[in-house]
């Protein structure tokens, strides 16, 4: 009989706790996504802290982990010449990135630590949580975010209806991100594909009502990515990895080329106001990137380029080029190549296809919507990686 030492028992308890910590995060995800998405940062940080004692980087993780480490170190170094100077350590993106490397990375590792039962309940939390979030989005779309407005009123913090709709619509991005793994997890749990109904309906109709294009685009991209990985399990992930690398390495050149040919301005005149503003940010970013292509302008320099750019360029590749230059762009490309290329398999697997779809959604939103360093958005990246790892380790229905 194998004897369990006190140290071994303690390690086992930490692994069990770290596995359940991820389940706890997804239990509260629908409410956070609906009411306060920024809260994802402290929630994921707390769960990650519980997982730090079990932190271990496997061989398969090393390419992405090394690239992330290079990017974070270079980001910290770039603060030396960045025009943006934080007022306190609490506003320092460099300090936050160092902390996130540890605690968010620990949460991703926690996805491997759980028991079959904790993973089972994690999948249930994911499926039912996303179904609930989809239902909430449908109700808010039908009522003009009336539930959200009432909650703000009850808490003594009333809000204008238009701002309420804007805040509630952030939940669409989170629902779209976790839709692929949630739908596949539902099938693995024996629910069938019924979970897809509230989830997809909770994306499509509210996005139309609220006037948001990005969730539609992300759904299409996710479907294409999932199809590629399902049809070509060996080649599909490598194609996605190549696309991600091209995106990060050539973004400034693409904008420059389109502007030189005159197509960029012509297209900017034809699109909606929100897309026109984005394209304006991209054009300004490309011009400033050309001044410092190698080292970039420094971490958070995007904040200092108003009015040409408001906060960030709304494109991950351009923001990284602008702030961290070629070194940062190469590191980002390596991260995404490692993530997508690591999904290659010998035979089709819906869990792997769902992971590719989840990654494609995150990359799509990064290309159009959010700043690279936003804490809550980075926290969602850790959650997405963790849930995809757990899904790939999940077996059939646990009775």
Protein backbone atom coordinates (compact mmCIF):
# COMPACT_ATOMS: atom_id res chain seq x y z
CA UNK A 1 0.00 0.00 0.00
CA UNK A 2 1.26 3.46 -0.89
CA UNK A 3 1.78 5.66 2.11
CA UNK A 4 0.76 9.31 1.85
CA UNK A 5 3.17 11.65 3.59
CA UNK A 6 1.92 14.82 5.28
CA UNK A 7 3.64 16.86 2.60
CA UNK A 8 1.98 14.78 -0.13
CA UNK A 9 -1.39 15.13 1.56
CA UNK A 10 -0.92 18.88 1.78
CA UNK A 11 0.00 19.08 -1.89
CA UNK A 12 -3.06 17.01 -2.78
CA UNK A 13 -5.30 19.34 -0.78
CA UNK A 14 -3.88 22.36 -2.59
CA UNK A 15 -4.46 20.71 -5.96
CA UNK A 16 -8.04 19.92 -5.03
CA UNK A 17 -8.60 23.46 -3.79
CA UNK A 18 -7.12 24.97 -6.95
CA UNK A 19 -9.38 22.80 -9.09
CA UNK A 20 -12.49 23.90 -7.22
CA UNK A 21 -11.40 27.55 -7.28
CA UNK A 22 -11.93 27.58 -11.04
CA UNK A 23 -15.42 26.15 -10.55
CA UNK A 24 -16.18 28.96 -8.13
CA UNK A 25 -15.10 31.55 -10.72
CA UNK A 26 -17.50 30.19 -13.30
CA UNK A 27 -20.33 29.97 -10.78
CA UNK A 28 -20.25 33.74 -10.37
CA UNK A 29 -19.40 34.49 -14.02
CA UNK A 30 -22.96 35.14 -15.31
CA UNK A 31 -23.70 37.73 -12.61
CA UNK A 32 -20.34 39.45 -13.03
CA UNK A 33 -20.67 39.49 -16.82
CA UNK A 34 -24.13 41.02 -16.50
CA UNK A 35 -23.55 43.55 -13.72
CA UNK A 36 -19.84 44.37 -13.40
CA UNK A 37 -17.36 42.87 -15.89
CA UNK A 38 -14.45 44.79 -14.36
CA UNK A 39 -14.87 42.57 -11.28
CA UNK A 40 -13.37 39.67 -13.21
CA UNK A 41 -9.91 41.02 -12.41
CA UNK A 42 -10.10 40.71 -8.58
CA UNK A 43 -12.14 37.49 -8.73
CA UNK A 44 -9.65 35.74 -11.01
CA UNK A 45 -6.77 37.14 -8.95
CA UNK A 46 -8.22 35.62 -5.77
CA UNK A 47 -8.78 32.25 -7.45
CA UNK A 48 -5.28 32.39 -8.90
CA UNK A 49 -3.75 33.07 -5.48
CA UNK A 50 -5.39 29.89 -4.19
CA UNK A 51 -3.72 28.02 -7.05
CA UNK A 52 -0.21 29.46 -6.69
CA UNK A 53 1.07 26.61 -4.43
CA UNK A 54 0.42 24.14 -7.27
CA UNK A 55 2.01 26.29 -9.99
CA UNK A 56 3.93 24.12 -12.42
CA UNK A 57 4.77 24.77 -16.07
CA UNK A 58 4.68 21.66 -18.26
CA UNK A 59 6.85 21.14 -21.32
CA UNK A 60 3.92 21.90 -23.62
CA UNK A 61 3.44 25.27 -21.89
CA UNK A 62 7.01 26.50 -22.25
CA UNK A 63 6.90 28.18 -25.69
CA UNK A 64 3.89 30.33 -24.75
CA UNK A 65 5.16 30.89 -21.20
CA UNK A 66 8.59 32.04 -22.40
CA UNK A 67 7.01 34.37 -24.97
CA UNK A 68 4.72 35.86 -22.32
CA UNK A 69 7.70 36.32 -19.98
CA UNK A 70 9.68 38.07 -22.73
CA UNK A 71 6.75 40.37 -23.46
CA UNK A 72 6.24 41.26 -19.80
CA UNK A 73 9.95 41.89 -19.20
CA UNK A 74 10.18 44.03 -22.34
CA UNK A 75 7.03 45.91 -21.31
CA UNK A 76 8.61 46.69 -17.94
CA UNK A 77 11.84 47.83 -19.60
CA UNK A 78 9.92 50.03 -22.02
CA UNK A 79 8.52 52.11 -19.16
CA UNK A 80 11.93 53.82 -19.12
CA UNK A 81 11.15 55.72 -22.33
CA UNK A 82 7.36 55.65 -22.26
CA UNK A 83 5.76 59.13 -22.23
CA UNK A 84 3.09 57.80 -19.86
CA UNK A 85 4.03 57.99 -16.18
CA UNK A 86 1.56 56.38 -13.73
CA UNK A 87 0.71 58.46 -10.68
CA UNK A 88 1.12 55.51 -8.30
CA UNK A 89 2.20 51.88 -8.26
CA UNK A 90 -1.49 50.91 -8.27
CA UNK A 91 -1.86 52.54 -11.69
CA UNK A 92 1.27 50.91 -13.09
CA UNK A 93 0.45 48.49 -15.90
CA UNK A 94 3.95 47.02 -15.61
CA UNK A 95 3.39 46.06 -11.97
CA UNK A 96 -0.01 44.60 -12.81
CA UNK A 97 1.43 42.52 -15.65
CA UNK A 98 4.01 40.97 -13.31
CA UNK A 99 1.29 40.02 -10.83
CA UNK A 100 -0.98 38.72 -13.58
CA UNK A 101 1.81 36.49 -14.89
CA UNK A 102 1.82 34.69 -11.57
CA UNK A 103 -1.80 34.59 -10.42
CA UNK A 104 -3.54 34.33 -13.80
CA UNK A 105 -1.01 31.73 -14.89
CA UNK A 106 -1.72 29.79 -11.71
CA UNK A 107 -5.43 29.73 -12.56
CA UNK A 108 -4.65 28.24 -15.97
CA UNK A 109 -2.53 25.57 -14.30
CA UNK A 110 -5.41 24.89 -11.89
CA UNK A 111 -7.43 23.54 -14.80
CA UNK A 112 -5.12 20.51 -14.78
CA UNK A 113 -5.24 20.01 -11.02
CA UNK A 114 -8.90 19.25 -10.43
CA UNK A 115 -10.46 15.86 -9.85
CA UNK A 116 -12.93 14.36 -12.35
CA UNK A 117 -15.75 15.44 -10.04
CA UNK A 118 -14.54 19.04 -9.77
CA UNK A 119 -14.18 19.19 -13.56
CA UNK A 120 -17.69 17.79 -13.91
CA UNK A 121 -19.09 20.57 -11.73
CA UNK A 122 -16.93 23.10 -13.53
CA UNK A 123 -18.54 22.09 -16.82
CA UNK A 124 -22.00 22.30 -15.28
CA UNK A 125 -21.20 25.78 -13.97
CA UNK A 126 -20.02 26.77 -17.45
CA UNK A 127 -23.04 25.38 -19.32
CA UNK A 128 -25.78 26.55 -16.96
CA UNK A 129 -24.00 29.82 -16.28
CA UNK A 130 -23.75 30.72 -19.96
CA UNK A 131 -27.37 29.62 -20.51
CA UNK A 132 -28.42 31.93 -17.68
CA UNK A 133 -26.35 34.77 -19.11
CA UNK A 134 -27.97 34.22 -22.50
CA UNK A 135 -31.41 34.40 -20.91
CA UNK A 136 -30.46 37.62 -19.09
CA UNK A 137 -29.24 39.17 -22.34
CA UNK A 138 -32.55 38.28 -24.02
CA UNK A 139 -34.57 39.87 -21.21
CA UNK A 140 -32.43 43.00 -21.20
CA UNK A 141 -32.68 43.29 -24.99
CA UNK A 142 -36.46 43.01 -24.82
CA UNK A 143 -36.80 45.59 -22.03
CA UNK A 144 -34.02 48.08 -22.76
CA UNK A 145 -31.86 46.84 -19.85
CA UNK A 146 -34.64 47.47 -17.35
CA UNK A 147 -33.40 44.87 -14.86
CA UNK A 148 -29.95 46.43 -14.80
CA UNK A 149 -31.45 49.89 -14.34
CA UNK A 150 -33.58 48.72 -11.40
CA UNK A 151 -30.58 47.13 -9.69
CA UNK A 152 -28.59 50.33 -10.08
CA UNK A 153 -31.54 52.28 -8.69
CA UNK A 154 -31.91 49.94 -5.69
CA UNK A 155 -28.21 50.29 -4.90
CA UNK A 156 -28.46 54.09 -4.91
CA UNK A 157 -26.54 54.50 -8.16
CA UNK A 158 -29.09 55.29 -10.91
CA UNK A 159 -27.94 55.28 -14.52
CA UNK A 160 -29.22 56.67 -17.81
CA UNK A 161 -30.99 54.10 -20.04
CA UNK A 162 -28.47 54.50 -22.88
CA UNK A 163 -25.53 53.93 -20.54
CA UNK A 164 -27.32 50.96 -19.01
CA UNK A 165 -27.62 49.36 -22.44
CA UNK A 166 -23.94 50.03 -23.11
CA UNK A 167 -22.91 48.40 -19.83
CA UNK A 168 -25.18 45.38 -20.24
CA UNK A 169 -23.94 44.84 -23.79
CA UNK A 170 -20.47 44.06 -22.42
CA UNK A 171 -21.94 40.74 -21.35
CA UNK A 172 -22.36 39.84 -25.02
CA UNK A 173 -18.60 39.73 -25.48
CA UNK A 174 -18.19 37.39 -22.51
CA UNK A 175 -21.06 35.16 -23.62
CA UNK A 176 -19.63 34.94 -27.14
CA UNK A 177 -16.17 34.10 -25.78
CA UNK A 178 -17.39 31.12 -23.77
CA UNK A 179 -20.10 30.00 -26.19
CA UNK A 180 -18.00 27.36 -28.06
CA UNK A 181 -16.75 25.48 -24.96
CA UNK A 182 -20.12 25.83 -23.21
CA UNK A 183 -22.07 24.33 -26.12
CA UNK A 184 -19.67 21.40 -26.50
CA UNK A 185 -19.54 20.86 -22.72
CA UNK A 186 -23.33 20.63 -22.69
CA UNK A 187 -23.17 17.79 -25.16
CA UNK A 188 -20.52 16.04 -23.06
CA UNK A 189 -22.72 16.35 -19.97
CA UNK A 190 -25.61 14.60 -21.69
CA UNK A 191 -27.68 17.75 -22.22
CA UNK A 192 -27.29 17.42 -25.96
CA UNK A 193 -27.09 20.57 -28.03
CA UNK A 194 -29.98 22.28 -26.20
CA UNK A 195 -27.60 24.60 -24.38
CA UNK A 196 -26.84 26.19 -27.74
CA UNK A 197 -30.36 27.63 -27.94
CA UNK A 198 -30.25 30.17 -25.07
CA UNK A 199 -26.55 30.84 -25.63
CA UNK A 200 -26.72 31.61 -29.36
CA UNK A 201 -30.08 33.37 -29.07
CA UNK A 202 -28.64 35.42 -26.21
CA UNK A 203 -25.87 36.59 -28.52
CA UNK A 204 -27.58 37.11 -31.87
CA UNK A 205 -30.79 38.93 -30.99
CA UNK A 206 -29.38 41.22 -28.24
CA UNK A 207 -26.40 42.11 -30.46
CA UNK A 208 -28.86 43.15 -33.16
CA UNK A 209 -31.04 45.11 -30.73
CA UNK A 210 -28.10 46.83 -29.03
CA UNK A 211 -26.41 47.56 -32.36
CA UNK A 212 -23.14 45.67 -31.80
CA UNK A 213 -21.38 44.14 -34.81
CA UNK A 214 -18.39 42.52 -33.11
CA UNK A 215 -20.28 39.53 -31.60
CA UNK A 216 -21.64 38.64 -35.05
CA UNK A 217 -18.17 38.81 -36.57
CA UNK A 218 -16.71 36.76 -33.72
CA UNK A 219 -19.38 34.06 -34.07
CA UNK A 220 -18.64 33.68 -37.77
CA UNK A 221 -14.89 33.54 -37.15
CA UNK A 222 -15.41 30.99 -34.37
CA UNK A 223 -17.52 28.82 -36.65
CA UNK A 224 -14.86 28.90 -39.35
CA UNK A 225 -12.09 28.10 -36.86
CA UNK A 226 -14.04 25.22 -35.34
CA UNK A 227 -14.83 23.83 -38.78
CA UNK A 228 -11.18 23.96 -39.84
CA UNK A 229 -9.98 22.14 -36.73
CA UNK A 230 -12.77 19.57 -37.01
CA UNK A 231 -12.27 18.85 -40.71
CA UNK A 232 -8.46 19.01 -40.68
CA UNK A 233 -7.36 18.20 -37.11
CA UNK A 234 -3.68 18.14 -38.06
CA UNK A 235 -3.50 21.04 -40.50
CA UNK A 236 -6.33 23.29 -39.28
CA UNK A 237 -4.64 24.42 -36.05
CA UNK A 238 -1.45 25.23 -37.94
CA UNK A 239 -3.43 27.35 -40.41
CA UNK A 240 -4.97 29.26 -37.50
CA UNK A 241 -1.51 29.70 -35.98
CA UNK A 242 -0.24 31.12 -39.27
CA UNK A 243 -3.17 33.55 -39.50
CA UNK A 244 -2.52 34.75 -35.94
CA UNK A 245 1.18 35.26 -36.67
CA UNK A 246 0.41 37.20 -39.85
CA UNK A 247 -2.06 39.38 -37.94
CA UNK A 248 0.45 40.39 -35.28
CA UNK A 249 3.49 40.71 -37.53
CA UNK A 250 1.99 42.55 -40.51
CA UNK A 251 -0.78 44.76 -39.08
CA UNK A 252 1.09 48.08 -39.54
CA UNK A 253 2.20 47.09 -43.05
CA UNK A 254 -1.36 46.18 -44.03
CA UNK A 255 -2.72 49.55 -42.89
CA UNK A 256 0.15 51.35 -44.63
CA UNK A 257 -0.38 49.43 -47.86
CA UNK A 258 -4.13 50.02 -47.97
CA UNK A 259 -3.59 53.73 -47.34
CA UNK A 260 -0.99 53.94 -50.10
CA UNK A 261 -3.40 52.36 -52.58
CA UNK A 262 -6.18 54.75 -51.58
CA UNK A 263 -8.49 51.96 -50.50
CA UNK A 264 -8.31 52.76 -46.79
CA UNK A 265 -9.84 56.25 -46.95
CA UNK A 266 -12.47 55.10 -49.43
CA UNK A 267 -13.56 52.30 -47.10
CA UNK A 268 -13.48 54.57 -44.06
CA UNK A 269 -15.98 56.87 -45.76
CA UNK A 270 -18.40 53.98 -46.35
CA UNK A 271 -18.52 52.32 -42.93
CA UNK A 272 -20.51 53.28 -39.83
CA UNK A 273 -19.30 55.96 -37.44
CA UNK A 274 -17.93 53.50 -34.87
CA UNK A 275 -15.92 51.62 -37.50
CA UNK A 276 -14.75 54.89 -39.04
CA UNK A 277 -13.43 55.99 -35.64
CA UNK A 278 -11.58 52.69 -35.25
CA UNK A 279 -10.02 53.05 -38.67
CA UNK A 280 -8.96 56.57 -37.73
CA UNK A 281 -7.18 55.21 -34.65
CA UNK A 282 -5.48 52.55 -36.78
CA UNK A 283 -4.24 55.12 -39.29
CA UNK A 284 -2.76 57.31 -36.55
CA UNK A 285 -1.22 54.25 -34.88
CA UNK A 286 0.44 53.18 -38.13
CA UNK A 287 2.01 56.62 -38.54
CA UNK A 288 3.44 56.63 -35.02
CA UNK A 289 4.62 53.02 -35.32
CA UNK A 290 6.69 54.03 -38.35
CA UNK A 291 8.59 56.48 -36.11
CA UNK A 292 9.62 53.82 -33.55
CA UNK A 293 9.19 50.41 -35.21
CA UNK A 294 11.90 48.51 -33.33
CA UNK A 295 11.44 49.35 -29.66
CA UNK A 296 8.03 51.05 -29.68
CA UNK A 297 7.00 54.13 -27.74
CA UNK A 298 6.81 52.33 -24.41
CA UNK A 299 4.16 50.66 -22.29
CA UNK A 300 0.86 52.58 -22.13
CA UNK A 301 2.14 55.20 -24.58
CA UNK A 302 -1.18 54.84 -26.44
CA UNK A 303 -2.78 56.89 -23.67
CA UNK A 304 -0.68 59.90 -24.65
CA UNK A 305 -1.66 60.13 -28.33
CA UNK A 306 -5.04 61.83 -27.93
CA UNK A 307 -6.99 63.07 -29.80
CA UNK A 308 -5.68 60.84 -32.58
CA UNK A 309 -6.06 57.76 -30.38
CA UNK A 310 -8.41 57.52 -27.41
CA UNK A 311 -6.81 55.30 -24.70
CA UNK A 312 -5.71 52.58 -27.16
CA UNK A 313 -5.93 51.84 -30.91
CA UNK A 314 -8.72 49.24 -30.50
CA UNK A 315 -6.50 46.66 -32.19
CA UNK A 316 -4.17 44.36 -30.27
CA UNK A 317 -1.52 44.05 -32.96
CA UNK A 318 -1.28 47.78 -33.55
CA UNK A 319 -1.24 48.54 -29.83
CA UNK A 320 1.60 46.10 -29.22
CA UNK A 321 3.57 47.46 -32.18
CA UNK A 322 2.93 51.03 -31.01
CA UNK A 323 4.00 50.41 -27.42
CA UNK A 324 6.46 47.49 -27.57
CA UNK A 325 7.65 47.55 -31.18
CA UNK A 326 8.91 44.56 -33.13
CA UNK A 327 10.03 42.67 -30.03
CA UNK A 328 6.56 42.80 -28.52
CA UNK A 329 4.89 41.88 -31.81
CA UNK A 330 7.10 38.80 -32.23
CA UNK A 331 6.43 37.72 -28.64
CA UNK A 332 2.67 38.10 -29.12
CA UNK A 333 2.83 36.12 -32.37
CA UNK A 334 4.72 33.31 -30.64
CA UNK A 335 2.10 33.14 -27.88
CA UNK A 336 -0.76 32.71 -30.33
CA UNK A 337 1.17 30.33 -32.58
CA UNK A 338 1.91 28.13 -29.56
CA UNK A 339 -1.73 28.18 -28.45
CA UNK A 340 -3.24 27.33 -31.83
CA UNK A 341 -0.52 24.94 -33.03
CA UNK A 342 -0.83 23.03 -29.76
CA UNK A 343 -4.36 22.03 -30.75
CA UNK A 344 -3.31 19.70 -33.58
CA UNK A 345 -4.56 16.14 -33.17
CA UNK A 346 -4.60 12.93 -35.18
CA UNK A 347 -8.40 12.76 -35.28
CA UNK A 348 -11.32 15.20 -34.95
CA UNK A 349 -12.29 16.14 -31.39
CA UNK A 350 -15.17 18.55 -30.67
CA UNK A 351 -13.48 19.68 -27.46
CA UNK A 352 -10.40 20.76 -29.37
CA UNK A 353 -12.55 22.44 -32.01
CA UNK A 354 -14.36 24.36 -29.25
CA UNK A 355 -11.00 25.48 -27.86
CA UNK A 356 -10.03 26.79 -31.29
CA UNK A 357 -13.35 28.63 -31.52
CA UNK A 358 -12.84 30.20 -28.09
CA UNK A 359 -9.36 31.38 -29.06
CA UNK A 360 -10.66 32.75 -32.35
CA UNK A 361 -13.34 34.77 -30.54
CA UNK A 362 -10.80 36.30 -28.17
CA UNK A 363 -8.46 37.18 -31.02
CA UNK A 364 -11.34 38.72 -33.00
CA UNK A 365 -12.38 40.96 -30.14
CA UNK A 366 -8.72 41.89 -29.64
CA UNK A 367 -8.63 43.01 -33.26
CA UNK A 368 -11.59 45.39 -32.93
CA UNK A 369 -12.57 46.25 -29.40
CA UNK A 370 -10.47 46.09 -26.25
CA UNK A 371 -7.12 47.28 -25.00
CA UNK A 372 -4.46 44.60 -24.63
CA UNK A 373 -3.65 45.37 -21.00
CA UNK A 374 -7.15 45.84 -19.55
CA UNK A 375 -7.10 43.76 -16.37
CA UNK A 376 -10.58 42.30 -16.73
CA UNK A 377 -9.92 41.34 -20.35
CA UNK A 378 -6.61 39.66 -19.47
CA UNK A 379 -8.44 37.84 -16.66
CA UNK A 380 -10.92 36.53 -19.22
CA UNK A 381 -8.00 35.28 -21.31
CA UNK A 382 -6.84 33.22 -18.33
CA UNK A 383 -10.37 31.92 -17.80
CA UNK A 384 -10.68 30.99 -21.47
CA UNK A 385 -7.38 29.08 -21.45
CA UNK A 386 -8.32 27.32 -18.23
CA UNK A 387 -11.79 26.25 -19.36
CA UNK A 388 -10.44 24.94 -22.67
CA UNK A 389 -7.80 22.88 -20.85
CA UNK A 390 -10.43 21.51 -18.47
CA UNK A 391 -12.82 20.74 -21.33
CA UNK A 392 -10.17 18.75 -23.17
CA UNK A 393 -9.60 16.70 -20.01
CA UNK A 394 -13.30 16.16 -19.38
CA UNK A 395 -14.59 12.67 -20.05
CA UNK A 396 -18.15 11.60 -20.68
CA UNK A 397 -21.11 12.15 -18.38
CA UNK A 398 -20.27 11.59 -14.72
CA UNK A 399 -23.11 9.73 -13.03
